[in-house]
Amino acid sequence: MVFDSKIVTNIKKYTKKNVAIDLSDREYEILLLVAEGLNNKEIAEKLYLSEGTVRNYISNILDKLELRDRTQLAIYYYKMKFDIE
């Protein structure tokens, strides 16, 4: 079978969000921004959230993934990303 590149991209996004990790869309979005190296203030500005809300999201993500800090979070993202592709 041949799929359009948009469909393949959506399949990869779906797989990453729903199979590899059990995160909400917002948590996944914040995970991506952490992996890009943005700090809490930058994430808050980009997503129109307070810094406290971003901290809460990051804490929840760390708990769900059983990780210690945002460095491990970024490493986790890139490991997961390259394992799926």
PDB file of N, CA and C in Angstrom:
ATOM      1  N   MET A   1       0.827  -1.188   0.000  1.00  0.00           N
ATOM      2  CA  MET A   1       0.000   0.000   0.000  1.00  0.00           C
ATOM      3  C   MET A   1       0.869   1.248   0.000  1.00  0.00           C
ATOM      4  N   VAL A   2       0.346   2.298  -0.563  1.00  0.00           N
ATOM      5  CA  VAL A   2       1.039   3.574  -0.588  1.00  0.00           C
ATOM      6  C   VAL A   2       0.166   4.599   0.126  1.00  0.00           C
ATOM      7  N   PHE A   3       0.781   5.350   1.056  1.00  0.00           N
ATOM      8  CA  PHE A   3       0.057   6.377   1.805  1.00  0.00           C
ATOM      9  C   PHE A   3       0.652   7.741   1.524  1.00  0.00           C
ATOM     10  N   ASP A   4      -0.188   8.735   1.509  1.00  0.00           N
ATOM     11  CA  ASP A   4       0.251  10.120   1.397  1.00  0.00           C
ATOM     12  C   ASP A   4       1.114  10.457   2.612  1.00  0.00           C
ATOM     13  N   SER A   5       2.074  11.348   2.435  1.00  0.00           N
ATOM     14  CA  SER A   5       2.983  11.701   3.530  1.00  0.00           C
ATOM     15  C   SER A   5       2.245  12.297   4.729  1.00  0.00           C
ATOM     16  N   LYS A   6       1.137  13.005   4.495  1.00  0.00           N
ATOM     17  CA  LYS A   6       0.346  13.556   5.600  1.00  0.00           C
ATOM     18  C   LYS A   6      -0.251  12.446   6.462  1.00  0.00           C
ATOM     19  N   ILE A   7      -0.677  11.390   5.826  1.00  0.00           N
ATOM     20  CA  ILE A   7      -1.246  10.261   6.564  1.00  0.00           C
ATOM     21  C   ILE A   7      -0.164   9.573   7.385  1.00  0.00           C
ATOM     22  N   VAL A   8       0.997   9.374   6.793  1.00  0.00           N
ATOM     23  CA  VAL A   8       2.106   8.745   7.512  1.00  0.00           C
ATOM     24  C   VAL A   8       2.487   9.584   8.726  1.00  0.00           C
ATOM     25  N   THR A   9       2.548  10.896   8.569  1.00  0.00           N
ATOM     26  CA  THR A   9       2.877  11.786   9.685  1.00  0.00           C
ATOM     27  C   THR A   9       1.841  11.656  10.792  1.00  0.00           C
ATOM     28  N   ASN A  10       0.568  11.640  10.434  1.00  0.00           N
ATOM     29  CA  ASN A  10      -0.492  11.498  11.432  1.00  0.00           C
ATOM     30  C   ASN A  10      -0.427  10.147  12.131  1.00  0.00           C
ATOM     31  N   ILE A  11      -0.111   9.100  11.391  1.00  0.00           N
ATOM     32  CA  ILE A  11       0.019   7.779  12.008  1.00  0.00           C
ATOM     33  C   ILE A  11       1.160   7.801  13.013  1.00  0.00           C
ATOM     34  N   LYS A  12       2.283   8.409  12.657  1.00  0.00           N
ATOM     35  CA  LYS A  12       3.419   8.488  13.582  1.00  0.00           C
ATOM     36  C   LYS A  12       3.043   9.289  14.815  1.00  0.00           C
ATOM     37  N   LYS A  13       2.354  10.416  14.648  1.00  0.00           N
ATOM     38  CA  LYS A  13       1.937  11.222  15.793  1.00  0.00           C
ATOM     39  C   LYS A  13       1.009  10.427  16.690  1.00  0.00           C
ATOM     40  N   TYR A  14       0.054   9.741  16.083  1.00  0.00           N
ATOM     41  CA  TYR A  14      -0.899   8.939  16.857  1.00  0.00           C
ATOM     42  C   TYR A  14      -0.163   7.856  17.641  1.00  0.00           C
ATOM     43  N   THR A  15       0.745   7.188  16.982  1.00  0.00           N
ATOM     44  CA  THR A  15       1.498   6.120  17.633  1.00  0.00           C
ATOM     45  C   THR A  15       2.301   6.677  18.794  1.00  0.00           C
ATOM     46  N   LYS A  16       2.978   7.772  18.589  1.00  0.00           N
ATOM     47  CA  LYS A  16       3.797   8.358  19.642  1.00  0.00           C
ATOM     48  C   LYS A  16       2.942   8.751  20.835  1.00  0.00           C
ATOM     49  N   LYS A  17       1.821   9.374  20.595  1.00  0.00           N
ATOM     50  CA  LYS A  17       1.020   9.893  21.692  1.00  0.00           C
ATOM     51  C   LYS A  17       0.262   8.807  22.427  1.00  0.00           C
ATOM     52  N   ASN A  18      -0.229   7.826  21.729  1.00  0.00           N
ATOM     53  CA  ASN A  18      -1.187   6.922  22.337  1.00  0.00           C
ATOM     54  C   ASN A  18      -0.677   5.515  22.620  1.00  0.00           C
ATOM     55  N   VAL A  19       0.402   5.116  22.005  1.00  0.00           N
ATOM     56  CA  VAL A  19       0.904   3.774  22.259  1.00  0.00           C
ATOM     57  C   VAL A  19       2.180   3.820  23.076  1.00  0.00           C
ATOM     58  N   ALA A  20       3.125   4.626  22.644  1.00  0.00           N
ATOM     59  CA  ALA A  20       4.422   4.651  23.313  1.00  0.00           C
ATOM     60  C   ALA A  20       4.322   5.235  24.724  1.00  0.00           C
ATOM     61  N   ILE A  21       3.521   6.258  24.903  1.00  0.00           N
ATOM     62  CA  ILE A  21       3.356   6.881  26.207  1.00  0.00           C
ATOM     63  C   ILE A  21       1.897   7.255  26.418  1.00  0.00           C
ATOM     64  N   ASP A  22       1.496   7.281  27.666  1.00  0.00           N
ATOM     65  CA  ASP A  22       0.098   7.570  27.985  1.00  0.00           C
ATOM     66  C   ASP A  22      -0.021   9.010  28.477  1.00  0.00           C
ATOM     67  N   LEU A  23       0.095   9.961  27.561  1.00  0.00           N
ATOM     68  CA  LEU A  23       0.017  11.378  27.895  1.00  0.00           C
ATOM     69  C   LEU A  23      -1.140  12.027  27.153  1.00  0.00           C
ATOM     70  N   SER A  24      -1.698  13.062  27.765  1.00  0.00           N
ATOM     71  CA  SER A  24      -2.728  13.838  27.077  1.00  0.00           C
ATOM     72  C   SER A  24      -2.073  14.631  25.942  1.00  0.00           C
ATOM     73  N   ASP A  25      -2.885  15.189  25.081  1.00  0.00           N
ATOM     74  CA  ASP A  25      -2.344  16.003  23.988  1.00  0.00           C
ATOM     75  C   ASP A  25      -1.532  17.172  24.527  1.00  0.00           C
ATOM     76  N   ARG A  26      -2.032  17.835  25.568  1.00  0.00           N
ATOM     77  CA  ARG A  26      -1.317  18.983  26.153  1.00  0.00           C
ATOM     78  C   ARG A  26      -0.001  18.544  26.779  1.00  0.00           C
ATOM     79  N   GLU A  27      -0.014  17.414  27.479  1.00  0.00           N
ATOM     80  CA  GLU A  27       1.225  16.911  28.086  1.00  0.00           C
ATOM     81  C   GLU A  27       2.239  16.560  27.005  1.00  0.00           C
ATOM     82  N   TYR A  28       1.768  15.961  25.937  1.00  0.00           N
ATOM     83  CA  TYR A  28       2.663  15.628  24.832  1.00  0.00           C
ATOM     84  C   TYR A  28       3.242  16.895  24.200  1.00  0.00           C
ATOM     85  N   GLU A  29       2.419  17.911  24.065  1.00  0.00           N
ATOM     86  CA  GLU A  29       2.874  19.195  23.506  1.00  0.00           C
ATOM     87  C   GLU A  29       3.967  19.798  24.392  1.00  0.00           C
ATOM     88  N   ILE A  30       3.770  19.736  25.697  1.00  0.00           N
ATOM     89  CA  ILE A  30       4.770  20.269  26.628  1.00  0.00           C
ATOM     90  C   ILE A  30       6.035  19.421  26.584  1.00  0.00           C
ATOM     91  N   LEU A  31       5.891  18.112  26.470  1.00  0.00           N
ATOM     92  CA  LEU A  31       7.055  17.233  26.320  1.00  0.00           C
ATOM     93  C   LEU A  31       7.890  17.640  25.112  1.00  0.00           C
ATOM     94  N   LEU A  32       7.246  17.909  24.002  1.00  0.00           N
ATOM     95  CA  LEU A  32       7.961  18.339  22.790  1.00  0.00           C
ATOM     96  C   LEU A  32       8.730  19.636  23.033  1.00  0.00           C
ATOM     97  N   LEU A  33       8.102  20.586  23.708  1.00  0.00           N
ATOM     98  CA  LEU A  33       8.744  21.876  23.957  1.00  0.00           C
ATOM     99  C   LEU A  33       9.910  21.748  24.927  1.00  0.00           C
ATOM    100  N   VAL A  34       9.775  20.877  25.918  1.00  0.00           N
ATOM    101  CA  VAL A  34      10.903  20.611  26.819  1.00  0.00           C
ATOM    102  C   VAL A  34      12.048  20.005  26.027  1.00  0.00           C
ATOM    103  N   ALA A  35      11.732  19.055  25.150  1.00  0.00           N
ATOM    104  CA  ALA A  35      12.757  18.402  24.328  1.00  0.00           C
ATOM    105  C   ALA A  35      13.444  19.393  23.388  1.00  0.00           C
ATOM    106  N   GLU A  36      12.726  20.451  22.998  1.00  0.00           N
ATOM    107  CA  GLU A  36      13.319  21.488  22.152  1.00  0.00           C
ATOM    108  C   GLU A  36      14.199  22.444  22.961  1.00  0.00           C
ATOM    109  N   GLY A  37      14.186  22.300  24.290  1.00  0.00           N
ATOM    110  CA  GLY A  37      15.051  23.110  25.132  1.00  0.00           C
ATOM    111  C   GLY A  37      14.404  24.359  25.702  1.00  0.00           C
ATOM    112  N   LEU A  38      13.098  24.519  25.550  1.00  0.00           N
ATOM    113  CA  LEU A  38      12.429  25.702  26.097  1.00  0.00           C
ATOM    114  C   LEU A  38      12.316  25.589  27.611  1.00  0.00           C
ATOM    115  N   ASN A  39      12.456  26.724  28.298  1.00  0.00           N
ATOM    116  CA  ASN A  39      12.263  26.725  29.746  1.00  0.00           C
ATOM    117  C   ASN A  39      10.787  26.948  30.058  1.00  0.00           C
ATOM    118  N   ASN A  40      10.434  26.870  31.351  1.00  0.00           N
ATOM    119  CA  ASN A  40       9.023  26.975  31.738  1.00  0.00           C
ATOM    120  C   ASN A  40       8.387  28.284  31.286  1.00  0.00           C
ATOM    121  N   LYS A  41       9.133  29.378  31.411  1.00  0.00           N
ATOM    122  CA  LYS A  41       8.591  30.679  31.018  1.00  0.00           C
ATOM    123  C   LYS A  41       8.291  30.711  29.516  1.00  0.00           C
ATOM    124  N   GLU A  42       9.215  30.196  28.718  1.00  0.00           N
ATOM    125  CA  GLU A  42       9.022  30.171  27.263  1.00  0.00           C
ATOM    126  C   GLU A  42       7.850  29.275  26.869  1.00  0.00           C
ATOM    127  N   ILE A  43       7.728  28.132  27.534  1.00  0.00           N
ATOM    128  CA  ILE A  43       6.607  27.229  27.261  1.00  0.00           C
ATOM    129  C   ILE A  43       5.296  27.916  27.625  1.00  0.00           C
ATOM    130  N   ALA A  44       5.275  28.561  28.792  1.00  0.00           N
ATOM    131  CA  ALA A  44       4.064  29.253  29.251  1.00  0.00           C
ATOM    132  C   ALA A  44       3.636  30.318  28.246  1.00  0.00           C
ATOM    133  N   GLU A  45       4.593  31.099  27.767  1.00  0.00           N
ATOM    134  CA  GLU A  45       4.267  32.149  26.791  1.00  0.00           C
ATOM    135  C   GLU A  45       3.755  31.559  25.481  1.00  0.00           C
ATOM    136  N   LYS A  46       4.386  30.495  25.041  1.00  0.00           N
ATOM    137  CA  LYS A  46       4.011  29.882  23.765  1.00  0.00           C
ATOM    138  C   LYS A  46       2.608  29.266  23.817  1.00  0.00           C
ATOM    139  N   LEU A  47       2.239  28.688  24.973  1.00  0.00           N
ATOM    140  CA  LEU A  47       0.961  27.989  25.095  1.00  0.00           C
ATOM    141  C   LEU A  47      -0.102  28.803  25.828  1.00  0.00           C
ATOM    142  N   TYR A  48       0.236  30.043  26.177  1.00  0.00           N
ATOM    143  CA  TYR A  48      -0.697  30.927  26.891  1.00  0.00           C
ATOM    144  C   TYR A  48      -1.149  30.313  28.215  1.00  0.00           C
ATOM    145  N   LEU A  49      -0.169  29.816  28.971  1.00  0.00           N
ATOM    146  CA  LEU A  49      -0.400  29.247  30.285  1.00  0.00           C
ATOM    147  C   LEU A  49       0.430  30.006  31.310  1.00  0.00           C
ATOM    148  N   SER A  50       0.150  29.801  32.587  1.00  0.00           N
ATOM    149  CA  SER A  50       1.015  30.374  33.621  1.00  0.00           C
ATOM    150  C   SER A  50       2.213  29.448  33.803  1.00  0.00           C
ATOM    151  N   GLU A  51       3.293  30.000  34.361  1.00  0.00           N
ATOM    152  CA  GLU A  51       4.471  29.168  34.617  1.00  0.00           C
ATOM    153  C   GLU A  51       4.142  28.070  35.621  1.00  0.00           C
ATOM    154  N   GLY A  52       3.288  28.370  36.581  1.00  0.00           N
ATOM    155  CA  GLY A  52       2.882  27.375  37.568  1.00  0.00           C
ATOM    156  C   GLY A  52       2.165  26.196  36.928  1.00  0.00           C
ATOM    157  N   THR A  53       1.318  26.501  35.953  1.00  0.00           N
ATOM    158  CA  THR A  53       0.601  25.442  35.243  1.00  0.00           C
ATOM    159  C   THR A  53       1.581  24.574  34.466  1.00  0.00           C
ATOM    160  N   VAL A  54       2.554  25.200  33.843  1.00  0.00           N
ATOM    161  CA  VAL A  54       3.573  24.446  33.103  1.00  0.00           C
ATOM    162  C   VAL A  54       4.349  23.550  34.072  1.00  0.00           C
ATOM    163  N   ARG A  55       4.734  24.092  35.229  1.00  0.00           N
ATOM    164  CA  ARG A  55       5.440  23.283  36.229  1.00  0.00           C
ATOM    165  C   ARG A  55       4.600  22.077  36.648  1.00  0.00           C
ATOM    166  N   ASN A  56       3.304  22.305  36.847  1.00  0.00           N
ATOM    167  CA  ASN A  56       2.412  21.204  37.227  1.00  0.00           C
ATOM    168  C   ASN A  56       2.349  20.138  36.132  1.00  0.00           C
ATOM    169  N   TYR A  57       2.225  20.581  34.889  1.00  0.00           N
ATOM    170  CA  TYR A  57       2.206  19.625  33.787  1.00  0.00           C
ATOM    171  C   TYR A  57       3.500  18.810  33.748  1.00  0.00           C
ATOM    172  N   ILE A  58       4.620  19.500  33.873  1.00  0.00           N
ATOM    173  CA  ILE A  58       5.910  18.805  33.811  1.00  0.00           C
ATOM    174  C   ILE A  58       6.032  17.813  34.964  1.00  0.00           C
ATOM    175  N   SER A  59       5.595  18.200  36.145  1.00  0.00           N
ATOM    176  CA  SER A  59       5.618  17.272  37.289  1.00  0.00           C
ATOM    177  C   SER A  59       4.770  16.042  37.013  1.00  0.00           C
ATOM    178  N   ASN A  60       3.585  16.250  36.448  1.00  0.00           N
ATOM    179  CA  ASN A  60       2.709  15.120  36.113  1.00  0.00           C
ATOM    180  C   ASN A  60       3.335  14.210  35.064  1.00  0.00           C
ATOM    181  N   ILE A  61       3.958  14.813  34.065  1.00  0.00           N
ATOM    182  CA  ILE A  61       4.616  14.030  33.011  1.00  0.00           C
ATOM    183  C   ILE A  61       5.754  13.205  33.615  1.00  0.00           C
ATOM    184  N   LEU A  62       6.552  13.838  34.465  1.00  0.00           N
ATOM    185  CA  LEU A  62       7.664  13.131  35.103  1.00  0.00           C
ATOM    186  C   LEU A  62       7.147  11.964  35.941  1.00  0.00           C
ATOM    187  N   ASP A  63       6.059  12.184  36.671  1.00  0.00           N
ATOM    188  CA  ASP A  63       5.469  11.108  37.476  1.00  0.00           C
ATOM    189  C   ASP A  63       4.969   9.966  36.600  1.00  0.00           C
ATOM    190  N   LYS A  64       4.251  10.295  35.534  1.00  0.00           N
ATOM    191  CA  LYS A  64       3.706   9.262  34.641  1.00  0.00           C
ATOM    192  C   LYS A  64       4.811   8.420  34.014  1.00  0.00           C
ATOM    193  N   LEU A  65       5.896   9.081  33.639  1.00  0.00           N
ATOM    194  CA  LEU A  65       6.983   8.387  32.952  1.00  0.00           C
ATOM    195  C   LEU A  65       8.052   7.867  33.906  1.00  0.00           C
ATOM    196  N   GLU A  66       7.852   8.144  35.201  1.00  0.00           N
ATOM    197  CA  GLU A  66       8.802   7.732  36.236  1.00  0.00           C
ATOM    198  C   GLU A  66      10.213   8.227  35.940  1.00  0.00           C
ATOM    199  N   LEU A  67      10.289   9.528  35.632  1.00  0.00           N
ATOM    200  CA  LEU A  67      11.569  10.178  35.360  1.00  0.00           C
ATOM    201  C   LEU A  67      11.872  11.178  36.462  1.00  0.00           C
ATOM    202  N   ARG A  68      13.133  11.564  36.583  1.00  0.00           N
ATOM    203  CA  ARG A  68      13.596  12.411  37.664  1.00  0.00           C
ATOM    204  C   ARG A  68      13.559  13.905  37.340  1.00  0.00           C
ATOM    205  N   ASP A  69      13.919  14.282  36.125  1.00  0.00           N
ATOM    206  CA  ASP A  69      14.025  15.705  35.802  1.00  0.00           C
ATOM    207  C   ASP A  69      13.796  15.947  34.315  1.00  0.00           C
ATOM    208  N   ARG A  70      13.808  17.225  33.937  1.00  0.00           N
ATOM    209  CA  ARG A  70      13.496  17.569  32.547  1.00  0.00           C
ATOM    210  C   ARG A  70      14.576  17.108  31.569  1.00  0.00           C
ATOM    211  N   THR A  71      15.799  16.929  32.042  1.00  0.00           N
ATOM    212  CA  THR A  71      16.847  16.394  31.174  1.00  0.00           C
ATOM    213  C   THR A  71      16.499  14.963  30.774  1.00  0.00           C
ATOM    214  N   GLN A  72      16.101  14.165  31.764  1.00  0.00           N
ATOM    215  CA  GLN A  72      15.678  12.804  31.451  1.00  0.00           C
ATOM    216  C   GLN A  72      14.453  12.814  30.551  1.00  0.00           C
ATOM    217  N   LEU A  73      13.598  13.789  30.735  1.00  0.00           N
ATOM    218  CA  LEU A  73      12.396  13.916  29.911  1.00  0.00           C
ATOM    219  C   LEU A  73      12.766  14.141  28.446  1.00  0.00           C
ATOM    220  N   ALA A  74      13.711  15.034  28.201  1.00  0.00           N
ATOM    221  CA  ALA A  74      14.151  15.300  26.827  1.00  0.00           C
ATOM    222  C   ALA A  74      14.811  14.065  26.222  1.00  0.00           C
ATOM    223  N   ILE A  75      15.643  13.406  27.006  1.00  0.00           N
ATOM    224  CA  ILE A  75      16.295  12.186  26.522  1.00  0.00           C
ATOM    225  C   ILE A  75      15.252  11.124  26.199  1.00  0.00           C
ATOM    226  N   TYR A  76      14.261  10.980  27.074  1.00  0.00           N
ATOM    227  CA  TYR A  76      13.178  10.018  26.846  1.00  0.00           C
ATOM    228  C   TYR A  76      12.468  10.311  25.527  1.00  0.00           C
ATOM    229  N   TYR A  77      12.166  11.578  25.281  1.00  0.00           N
ATOM    230  CA  TYR A  77      11.473  11.950  24.053  1.00  0.00           C
ATOM    231  C   TYR A  77      12.272  11.510  22.824  1.00  0.00           C
ATOM    232  N   TYR A  78      13.575  11.825  22.806  1.00  0.00           N
ATOM    233  CA  TYR A  78      14.368  11.503  21.623  1.00  0.00           C
ATOM    234  C   TYR A  78      14.575  10.006  21.467  1.00  0.00           C
ATOM    235  N   LYS A  79      14.696   9.275  22.571  1.00  0.00           N
ATOM    236  CA  LYS A  79      14.777   7.819  22.472  1.00  0.00           C
ATOM    237  C   LYS A  79      13.485   7.255  21.901  1.00  0.00           C
ATOM    238  N   MET A  80      12.348   7.737  22.415  1.00  0.00           N
ATOM    239  CA  MET A  80      11.055   7.270  21.941  1.00  0.00           C
ATOM    240  C   MET A  80      10.862   7.635  20.469  1.00  0.00           C
ATOM    241  N   LYS A  81      11.247   8.838  20.112  1.00  0.00           N
ATOM    242  CA  LYS A  81      11.070   9.310  18.744  1.00  0.00           C
ATOM    243  C   LYS A  81      11.824   8.435  17.749  1.00  0.00           C
ATOM    244  N   PHE A  82      13.049   8.113  18.052  1.00  0.00           N
ATOM    245  CA  PHE A  82      13.861   7.346  17.099  1.00  0.00           C
ATOM    246  C   PHE A  82      13.553   5.862  17.158  1.00  0.00           C
ATOM    247  N   ASP A  83      12.977   5.366  18.253  1.00  0.00           N
ATOM    248  CA  ASP A  83      12.564   3.970  18.311  1.00  0.00           C
ATOM    249  C   ASP A  83      11.361   3.707  17.428  1.00  0.00           C
ATOM    250  N   ILE A  84      10.482   4.704  17.294  1.00  0.00           N
ATOM    251  CA  ILE A  84       9.247   4.536  16.521  1.00  0.00           C
ATOM    252  C   ILE A  84       9.499   4.730  15.029  1.00  0.00           C
ATOM    253  N   GLU A  85      10.355   5.672  14.673  1.00  0.00           N
ATOM    254  CA  GLU A  85      10.553   5.988  13.253  1.00  0.00           C
ATOM    255  C   GLU A  85      11.360   4.968  12.523  1.00  0.00           C
TER     256      GLU A  85
END
